[in-house]
Amino acid sequence: MAVRGYVLIETEVGKARAVSTAIGEVSSTHARVVAVDTVTGPFDVIVQLEADDLDAMGEALTETLQNISGVQRTTTCLAVRKS
């Protein structure tokens, strides 16, 4: 079952657009970028990711998103399914 997460990103001042663009161009074997939005509020960019499992999601976060220039901090919210 696929895992979906929302990554809330704080960027360096003035880097939100560059970070959004870089994430939109990311090609990761671990997860798929579903959507990228530059937003207002306490976070600068929100990314929706999908991965095959939790380990793949973690790899995409630590090896890809957190290494993008301008990213200062990430907070990941995993989607849950309620039946």
PDB file of N, CA and C in Angstrom:
ATOM      1  N   MET A   1       0.842  -1.172   0.000  1.00  0.00           N
ATOM      2  CA  MET A   1       0.000   0.000   0.000  1.00  0.00           C
ATOM      3  C   MET A   1       0.893   1.242   0.000  1.00  0.00           C
ATOM      4  N   ALA A   2       0.601   2.182  -0.862  1.00  0.00           N
ATOM      5  CA  ALA A   2       1.396   3.405  -0.971  1.00  0.00           C
ATOM      6  C   ALA A   2       1.213   4.290   0.260  1.00  0.00           C
ATOM      7  N   VAL A   3       2.245   5.057   0.533  1.00  0.00           N
ATOM      8  CA  VAL A   3       2.246   6.011   1.640  1.00  0.00           C
ATOM      9  C   VAL A   3       2.216   7.406   1.039  1.00  0.00           C
ATOM     10  N   ARG A   4       1.376   8.271   1.591  1.00  0.00           N
ATOM     11  CA  ARG A   4       1.303   9.660   1.122  1.00  0.00           C
ATOM     12  C   ARG A   4       1.683  10.575   2.275  1.00  0.00           C
ATOM     13  N   GLY A   5       2.465  11.586   1.970  1.00  0.00           N
ATOM     14  CA  GLY A   5       2.885  12.530   2.987  1.00  0.00           C
ATOM     15  C   GLY A   5       2.900  13.954   2.467  1.00  0.00           C
ATOM     16  N   TYR A   6       2.753  14.877   3.378  1.00  0.00           N
ATOM     17  CA  TYR A   6       2.843  16.295   3.074  1.00  0.00           C
ATOM     18  C   TYR A   6       4.074  16.817   3.802  1.00  0.00           C
ATOM     19  N   VAL A   7       4.985  17.396   3.053  1.00  0.00           N
ATOM     20  CA  VAL A   7       6.224  17.901   3.626  1.00  0.00           C
ATOM     21  C   VAL A   7       6.125  19.421   3.692  1.00  0.00           C
ATOM     22  N   LEU A   8       6.158  19.949   4.904  1.00  0.00           N
ATOM     23  CA  LEU A   8       6.085  21.391   5.148  1.00  0.00           C
ATOM     24  C   LEU A   8       7.522  21.888   5.263  1.00  0.00           C
ATOM     25  N   ILE A   9       7.891  22.818   4.403  1.00  0.00           N
ATOM     26  CA  ILE A   9       9.290  23.230   4.310  1.00  0.00           C
ATOM     27  C   ILE A   9       9.460  24.694   4.674  1.00  0.00           C
ATOM     28  N   GLU A  10      10.436  24.949   5.542  1.00  0.00           N
ATOM     29  CA  GLU A  10      10.883  26.300   5.832  1.00  0.00           C
ATOM     30  C   GLU A  10      12.159  26.516   5.036  1.00  0.00           C
ATOM     31  N   THR A  11      12.228  27.631   4.318  1.00  0.00           N
ATOM     32  CA  THR A  11      13.399  27.913   3.488  1.00  0.00           C
ATOM     33  C   THR A  11      14.164  29.111   4.035  1.00  0.00           C
ATOM     34  N   GLU A  12      15.368  29.300   3.494  1.00  0.00           N
ATOM     35  CA  GLU A  12      16.107  30.517   3.786  1.00  0.00           C
ATOM     36  C   GLU A  12      15.313  31.687   3.203  1.00  0.00           C
ATOM     37  N   VAL A  13      15.477  32.862   3.767  1.00  0.00           N
ATOM     38  CA  VAL A  13      14.755  34.041   3.305  1.00  0.00           C
ATOM     39  C   VAL A  13      15.044  34.262   1.824  1.00  0.00           C
ATOM     40  N   GLY A  14      13.973  34.442   1.061  1.00  0.00           N
ATOM     41  CA  GLY A  14      14.096  34.714  -0.357  1.00  0.00           C
ATOM     42  C   GLY A  14      14.353  33.505  -1.232  1.00  0.00           C
ATOM     43  N   LYS A  15      14.305  32.299  -0.678  1.00  0.00           N
ATOM     44  CA  LYS A  15      14.633  31.088  -1.441  1.00  0.00           C
ATOM     45  C   LYS A  15      13.426  30.197  -1.739  1.00  0.00           C
ATOM     46  N   ALA A  16      12.228  30.606  -1.357  1.00  0.00           N
ATOM     47  CA  ALA A  16      11.048  29.742  -1.520  1.00  0.00           C
ATOM     48  C   ALA A  16      10.819  29.372  -2.984  1.00  0.00           C
ATOM     49  N   ARG A  17      10.896  30.332  -3.876  1.00  0.00           N
ATOM     50  CA  ARG A  17      10.634  30.046  -5.284  1.00  0.00           C
ATOM     51  C   ARG A  17      11.692  29.099  -5.856  1.00  0.00           C
ATOM     52  N   ALA A  18      12.959  29.327  -5.526  1.00  0.00           N
ATOM     53  CA  ALA A  18      14.037  28.467  -6.018  1.00  0.00           C
ATOM     54  C   ALA A  18      13.891  27.043  -5.476  1.00  0.00           C
ATOM     55  N   VAL A  19      13.505  26.914  -4.217  1.00  0.00           N
ATOM     56  CA  VAL A  19      13.300  25.591  -3.625  1.00  0.00           C
ATOM     57  C   VAL A  19      12.131  24.890  -4.311  1.00  0.00           C
ATOM     58  N   SER A  20      11.034  25.602  -4.541  1.00  0.00           N
ATOM     59  CA  SER A  20       9.874  25.020  -5.225  1.00  0.00           C
ATOM     60  C   SER A  20      10.249  24.516  -6.608  1.00  0.00           C
ATOM     61  N   THR A  21      10.987  25.323  -7.334  1.00  0.00           N
ATOM     62  CA  THR A  21      11.418  24.940  -8.678  1.00  0.00           C
ATOM     63  C   THR A  21      12.305  23.698  -8.635  1.00  0.00           C
ATOM     64  N   ALA A  22      13.260  23.682  -7.704  1.00  0.00           N
ATOM     65  CA  ALA A  22      14.166  22.540  -7.580  1.00  0.00           C
ATOM     66  C   ALA A  22      13.405  21.266  -7.238  1.00  0.00           C
ATOM     67  N   ILE A  23      12.428  21.350  -6.359  1.00  0.00           N
ATOM     68  CA  ILE A  23      11.641  20.172  -5.984  1.00  0.00           C
ATOM     69  C   ILE A  23      10.823  19.682  -7.172  1.00  0.00           C
ATOM     70  N   GLY A  24      10.277  20.606  -7.947  1.00  0.00           N
ATOM     71  CA  GLY A  24       9.505  20.231  -9.132  1.00  0.00           C
ATOM     72  C   GLY A  24      10.333  19.485 -10.160  1.00  0.00           C
ATOM     73  N   GLU A  25      11.645  19.677 -10.133  1.00  0.00           N
ATOM     74  CA  GLU A  25      12.546  19.021 -11.082  1.00  0.00           C
ATOM     75  C   GLU A  25      13.203  17.770 -10.513  1.00  0.00           C
ATOM     76  N   VAL A  26      12.883  17.430  -9.262  1.00  0.00           N
ATOM     77  CA  VAL A  26      13.492  16.279  -8.595  1.00  0.00           C
ATOM     78  C   VAL A  26      13.042  14.975  -9.259  1.00  0.00           C
ATOM     79  N   SER A  27      13.988  14.099  -9.412  1.00  0.00           N
ATOM     80  CA  SER A  27      13.702  12.751  -9.893  1.00  0.00           C
ATOM     81  C   SER A  27      14.272  11.790  -8.855  1.00  0.00           C
ATOM     82  N   SER A  28      13.403  11.183  -8.074  1.00  0.00           N
ATOM     83  CA  SER A  28      13.839  10.281  -7.015  1.00  0.00           C
ATOM     84  C   SER A  28      13.314   8.876  -7.291  1.00  0.00           C
ATOM     85  N   THR A  29      14.146   7.896  -7.040  1.00  0.00           N
ATOM     86  CA  THR A  29      13.704   6.510  -7.179  1.00  0.00           C
ATOM     87  C   THR A  29      12.889   6.074  -5.962  1.00  0.00           C
ATOM     88  N   HIS A  30      12.897   6.891  -4.912  1.00  0.00           N
ATOM     89  CA  HIS A  30      12.239   6.517  -3.662  1.00  0.00           C
ATOM     90  C   HIS A  30      10.782   6.968  -3.586  1.00  0.00           C
ATOM     91  N   ALA A  31      10.483   8.157  -4.116  1.00  0.00           N
ATOM     92  CA  ALA A  31       9.132   8.706  -3.978  1.00  0.00           C
ATOM     93  C   ALA A  31       8.798   9.572  -5.185  1.00  0.00           C
ATOM     94  N   ARG A  32       7.514   9.805  -5.373  1.00  0.00           N
ATOM     95  CA  ARG A  32       7.022  10.642  -6.454  1.00  0.00           C
ATOM     96  C   ARG A  32       6.516  11.962  -5.902  1.00  0.00           C
ATOM     97  N   VAL A  33       6.924  13.052  -6.514  1.00  0.00           N
ATOM     98  CA  VAL A  33       6.412  14.367  -6.139  1.00  0.00           C
ATOM     99  C   VAL A  33       5.073  14.536  -6.854  1.00  0.00           C
ATOM    100  N   VAL A  34       4.000  14.634  -6.078  1.00  0.00           N
ATOM    101  CA  VAL A  34       2.653  14.765  -6.631  1.00  0.00           C
ATOM    102  C   VAL A  34       2.324  16.233  -6.864  1.00  0.00           C
ATOM    103  N   ALA A  35       2.699  17.090  -5.912  1.00  0.00           N
ATOM    104  CA  ALA A  35       2.402  18.520  -6.024  1.00  0.00           C
ATOM    105  C   ALA A  35       3.417  19.321  -5.216  1.00  0.00           C
ATOM    106  N   VAL A  36       3.687  20.528  -5.683  1.00  0.00           N
ATOM    107  CA  VAL A  36       4.570  21.465  -4.981  1.00  0.00           C
ATOM    108  C   VAL A  36       3.881  22.817  -5.001  1.00  0.00           C
ATOM    109  N   ASP A  37       3.723  23.426  -3.837  1.00  0.00           N
ATOM    110  CA  ASP A  37       3.114  24.754  -3.758  1.00  0.00           C
ATOM    111  C   ASP A  37       3.941  25.665  -2.874  1.00  0.00           C
ATOM    112  N   THR A  38       4.183  26.874  -3.358  1.00  0.00           N
ATOM    113  CA  THR A  38       4.769  27.920  -2.526  1.00  0.00           C
ATOM    114  C   THR A  38       3.586  28.573  -1.815  1.00  0.00           C
ATOM    115  N   VAL A  39       3.676  28.715  -0.496  1.00  0.00           N
ATOM    116  CA  VAL A  39       2.530  29.159   0.300  1.00  0.00           C
ATOM    117  C   VAL A  39       2.923  30.296   1.244  1.00  0.00           C
ATOM    118  N   THR A  40       1.915  30.902   1.840  1.00  0.00           N
ATOM    119  CA  THR A  40       2.148  31.907   2.866  1.00  0.00           C
ATOM    120  C   THR A  40       1.932  31.264   4.230  1.00  0.00           C
ATOM    121  N   GLY A  41       2.382  31.920   5.268  1.00  0.00           N
ATOM    122  CA  GLY A  41       2.204  31.388   6.613  1.00  0.00           C
ATOM    123  C   GLY A  41       3.521  30.947   7.210  1.00  0.00           C
ATOM    124  N   PRO A  42       3.474  30.073   8.198  1.00  0.00           N
ATOM    125  CA  PRO A  42       4.696  29.669   8.899  1.00  0.00           C
ATOM    126  C   PRO A  42       5.631  28.804   8.044  1.00  0.00           C
ATOM    127  N   PHE A  43       5.111  28.217   6.967  1.00  0.00           N
ATOM    128  CA  PHE A  43       5.940  27.424   6.065  1.00  0.00           C
ATOM    129  C   PHE A  43       5.995  28.129   4.721  1.00  0.00           C
ATOM    130  N   ASP A  44       7.013  27.816   3.942  1.00  0.00           N
ATOM    131  CA  ASP A  44       7.213  28.486   2.657  1.00  0.00           C
ATOM    132  C   ASP A  44       6.814  27.627   1.464  1.00  0.00           C
ATOM    133  N   VAL A  45       6.978  26.322   1.597  1.00  0.00           N
ATOM    134  CA  VAL A  45       6.680  25.389   0.518  1.00  0.00           C
ATOM    135  C   VAL A  45       6.013  24.157   1.118  1.00  0.00           C
ATOM    136  N   ILE A  46       4.996  23.639   0.427  1.00  0.00           N
ATOM    137  CA  ILE A  46       4.370  22.384   0.826  1.00  0.00           C
ATOM    138  C   ILE A  46       4.468  21.430  -0.353  1.00  0.00           C
ATOM    139  N   VAL A  47       4.928  20.210  -0.066  1.00  0.00           N
ATOM    140  CA  VAL A  47       5.121  19.195  -1.095  1.00  0.00           C
ATOM    141  C   VAL A  47       4.278  17.978  -0.742  1.00  0.00           C
ATOM    142  N   GLN A  48       3.574  17.443  -1.726  1.00  0.00           N
ATOM    143  CA  GLN A  48       2.866  16.182  -1.524  1.00  0.00           C
ATOM    144  C   GLN A  48       3.695  15.094  -2.179  1.00  0.00           C
ATOM    145  N   LEU A  49       4.039  14.066  -1.398  1.00  0.00           N
ATOM    146  CA  LEU A  49       4.849  12.942  -1.878  1.00  0.00           C
ATOM    147  C   LEU A  49       4.066  11.641  -1.755  1.00  0.00           C
ATOM    148  N   GLU A  50       4.365  10.714  -2.647  1.00  0.00           N
ATOM    149  CA  GLU A  50       3.858   9.349  -2.534  1.00  0.00           C
ATOM    150  C   GLU A  50       5.031   8.399  -2.679  1.00  0.00           C
ATOM    151  N   ALA A  51       5.039   7.367  -1.862  1.00  0.00           N
ATOM    152  CA  ALA A  51       6.097   6.360  -1.911  1.00  0.00           C
ATOM    153  C   ALA A  51       5.478   4.985  -1.696  1.00  0.00           C
ATOM    154  N   ASP A  52       6.230   3.959  -2.063  1.00  0.00           N
ATOM    155  CA  ASP A  52       5.724   2.598  -1.901  1.00  0.00           C
ATOM    156  C   ASP A  52       5.597   2.186  -0.438  1.00  0.00           C
ATOM    157  N   ASP A  53       6.488   2.714   0.416  1.00  0.00           N
ATOM    158  CA  ASP A  53       6.435   2.386   1.836  1.00  0.00           C
ATOM    159  C   ASP A  53       7.103   3.495   2.644  1.00  0.00           C
ATOM    160  N   LEU A  54       7.039   3.372   3.953  1.00  0.00           N
ATOM    161  CA  LEU A  54       7.565   4.399   4.848  1.00  0.00           C
ATOM    162  C   LEU A  54       9.077   4.561   4.715  1.00  0.00           C
ATOM    163  N   ASP A  55       9.786   3.467   4.518  1.00  0.00           N
ATOM    164  CA  ASP A  55      11.240   3.556   4.349  1.00  0.00           C
ATOM    165  C   ASP A  55      11.608   4.357   3.109  1.00  0.00           C
ATOM    166  N   ALA A  56      10.894   4.132   2.004  1.00  0.00           N
ATOM    167  CA  ALA A  56      11.158   4.871   0.772  1.00  0.00           C
ATOM    168  C   ALA A  56      10.853   6.358   0.961  1.00  0.00           C
ATOM    169  N   MET A  57       9.797   6.655   1.705  1.00  0.00           N
ATOM    170  CA  MET A  57       9.455   8.053   1.997  1.00  0.00           C
ATOM    171  C   MET A  57      10.592   8.711   2.781  1.00  0.00           C
ATOM    172  N   GLY A  58      11.088   8.014   3.788  1.00  0.00           N
ATOM    173  CA  GLY A  58      12.192   8.541   4.583  1.00  0.00           C
ATOM    174  C   GLY A  58      13.443   8.775   3.762  1.00  0.00           C
ATOM    175  N   GLU A  59      13.750   7.856   2.848  1.00  0.00           N
ATOM    176  CA  GLU A  59      14.915   8.013   1.978  1.00  0.00           C
ATOM    177  C   GLU A  59      14.757   9.247   1.086  1.00  0.00           C
ATOM    178  N   ALA A  60      13.576   9.447   0.535  1.00  0.00           N
ATOM    179  CA  ALA A  60      13.339  10.608  -0.330  1.00  0.00           C
ATOM    180  C   ALA A  60      13.517  11.906   0.452  1.00  0.00           C
ATOM    181  N   LEU A  61      13.072  11.911   1.682  1.00  0.00           N
ATOM    182  CA  LEU A  61      13.205  13.112   2.510  1.00  0.00           C
ATOM    183  C   LEU A  61      14.656  13.408   2.849  1.00  0.00           C
ATOM    184  N   THR A  62      15.355  12.412   3.353  1.00  0.00           N
ATOM    185  CA  THR A  62      16.711  12.651   3.857  1.00  0.00           C
ATOM    186  C   THR A  62      17.759  12.739   2.756  1.00  0.00           C
ATOM    187  N   GLU A  63      17.558  12.006   1.663  1.00  0.00           N
ATOM    188  CA  GLU A  63      18.557  12.009   0.598  1.00  0.00           C
ATOM    189  C   GLU A  63      18.285  13.038  -0.492  1.00  0.00           C
ATOM    190  N   THR A  64      17.037  13.459  -0.612  1.00  0.00           N
ATOM    191  CA  THR A  64      16.702  14.350  -1.723  1.00  0.00           C
ATOM    192  C   THR A  64      16.228  15.720  -1.240  1.00  0.00           C
ATOM    193  N   LEU A  65      15.058  15.767  -0.617  1.00  0.00           N
ATOM    194  CA  LEU A  65      14.464  17.071  -0.284  1.00  0.00           C
ATOM    195  C   LEU A  65      15.314  17.884   0.692  1.00  0.00           C
ATOM    196  N   GLN A  66      15.824  17.241   1.723  1.00  0.00           N
ATOM    197  CA  GLN A  66      16.580  17.997   2.724  1.00  0.00           C
ATOM    198  C   GLN A  66      17.945  18.455   2.223  1.00  0.00           C
ATOM    199  N   ASN A  67      18.379  17.939   1.092  1.00  0.00           N
ATOM    200  CA  ASN A  67      19.666  18.344   0.525  1.00  0.00           C
ATOM    201  C   ASN A  67      19.546  19.447  -0.523  1.00  0.00           C
ATOM    202  N   ILE A  68      18.345  19.909  -0.774  1.00  0.00           N
ATOM    203  CA  ILE A  68      18.158  20.994  -1.745  1.00  0.00           C
ATOM    204  C   ILE A  68      18.630  22.299  -1.123  1.00  0.00           C
ATOM    205  N   SER A  69      19.405  23.031  -1.887  1.00  0.00           N
ATOM    206  CA  SER A  69      19.930  24.315  -1.409  1.00  0.00           C
ATOM    207  C   SER A  69      18.785  25.259  -1.058  1.00  0.00           C
ATOM    208  N   GLY A  70      18.837  25.832   0.130  1.00  0.00           N
ATOM    209  CA  GLY A  70      17.812  26.763   0.595  1.00  0.00           C
ATOM    210  C   GLY A  70      16.831  26.164   1.578  1.00  0.00           C
ATOM    211  N   VAL A  71      16.785  24.828   1.675  1.00  0.00           N
ATOM    212  CA  VAL A  71      15.889  24.173   2.634  1.00  0.00           C
ATOM    213  C   VAL A  71      16.526  24.255   4.020  1.00  0.00           C
ATOM    214  N   GLN A  72      15.790  24.830   4.973  1.00  0.00           N
ATOM    215  CA  GLN A  72      16.302  24.925   6.341  1.00  0.00           C
ATOM    216  C   GLN A  72      15.743  23.835   7.246  1.00  0.00           C
ATOM    217  N   ARG A  73      14.433  23.567   7.113  1.00  0.00           N
ATOM    218  CA  ARG A  73      13.788  22.619   8.032  1.00  0.00           C
ATOM    219  C   ARG A  73      12.581  22.001   7.334  1.00  0.00           C
ATOM    220  N   THR A  74      12.336  20.730   7.622  1.00  0.00           N
ATOM    221  CA  THR A  74      11.153  20.064   7.082  1.00  0.00           C
ATOM    222  C   THR A  74      10.339  19.460   8.219  1.00  0.00           C
ATOM    223  N   THR A  75       9.036  19.449   8.017  1.00  0.00           N
ATOM    224  CA  THR A  75       8.108  18.762   8.914  1.00  0.00           C
ATOM    225  C   THR A  75       7.244  17.901   8.026  1.00  0.00           C
ATOM    226  N   THR A  76       7.181  16.601   8.317  1.00  0.00           N
ATOM    227  CA  THR A  76       6.428  15.679   7.468  1.00  0.00           C
ATOM    228  C   THR A  76       5.171  15.216   8.178  1.00  0.00           C
ATOM    229  N   CYS A  77       4.057  15.318   7.469  1.00  0.00           N
ATOM    230  CA  CYS A  77       2.768  14.858   7.970  1.00  0.00           C
ATOM    231  C   CYS A  77       2.317  13.698   7.094  1.00  0.00           C
ATOM    232  N   LEU A  78       2.210  12.513   7.665  1.00  0.00           N
ATOM    233  CA  LEU A  78       1.785  11.347   6.905  1.00  0.00           C
ATOM    234  C   LEU A  78       0.260  11.281   6.874  1.00  0.00           C
ATOM    235  N   ALA A  79      -0.276  10.975   5.692  1.00  0.00           N
ATOM    236  CA  ALA A  79      -1.718  10.820   5.560  1.00  0.00           C
ATOM    237  C   ALA A  79      -2.125   9.473   6.144  1.00  0.00           C
ATOM    238  N   VAL A  80      -3.249   9.451   6.844  1.00  0.00           N
ATOM    239  CA  VAL A  80      -3.769   8.199   7.401  1.00  0.00           C
ATOM    240  C   VAL A  80      -5.129   7.923   6.784  1.00  0.00           C
ATOM    241  N   ARG A  81      -5.433   6.656   6.644  1.00  0.00           N
ATOM    242  CA  ARG A  81      -6.723   6.268   6.101  1.00  0.00           C
ATOM    243  C   ARG A  81      -7.586   5.764   7.254  1.00  0.00           C
ATOM    244  N   LYS A  82      -8.742   6.357   7.386  1.00  0.00           N
ATOM    245  CA  LYS A  82      -9.672   5.919   8.431  1.00  0.00           C
ATOM    246  C   LYS A  82     -10.829   5.207   7.756  1.00  0.00           C
ATOM    247  N   SER A  83     -11.106   4.015   8.212  1.00  0.00           N
ATOM    248  CA  SER A  83     -12.208   3.233   7.609  1.00  0.00           C
ATOM    249  C   SER A  83     -13.469   3.416   8.381  1.00  0.00           C
TER     250      SER A  83
END
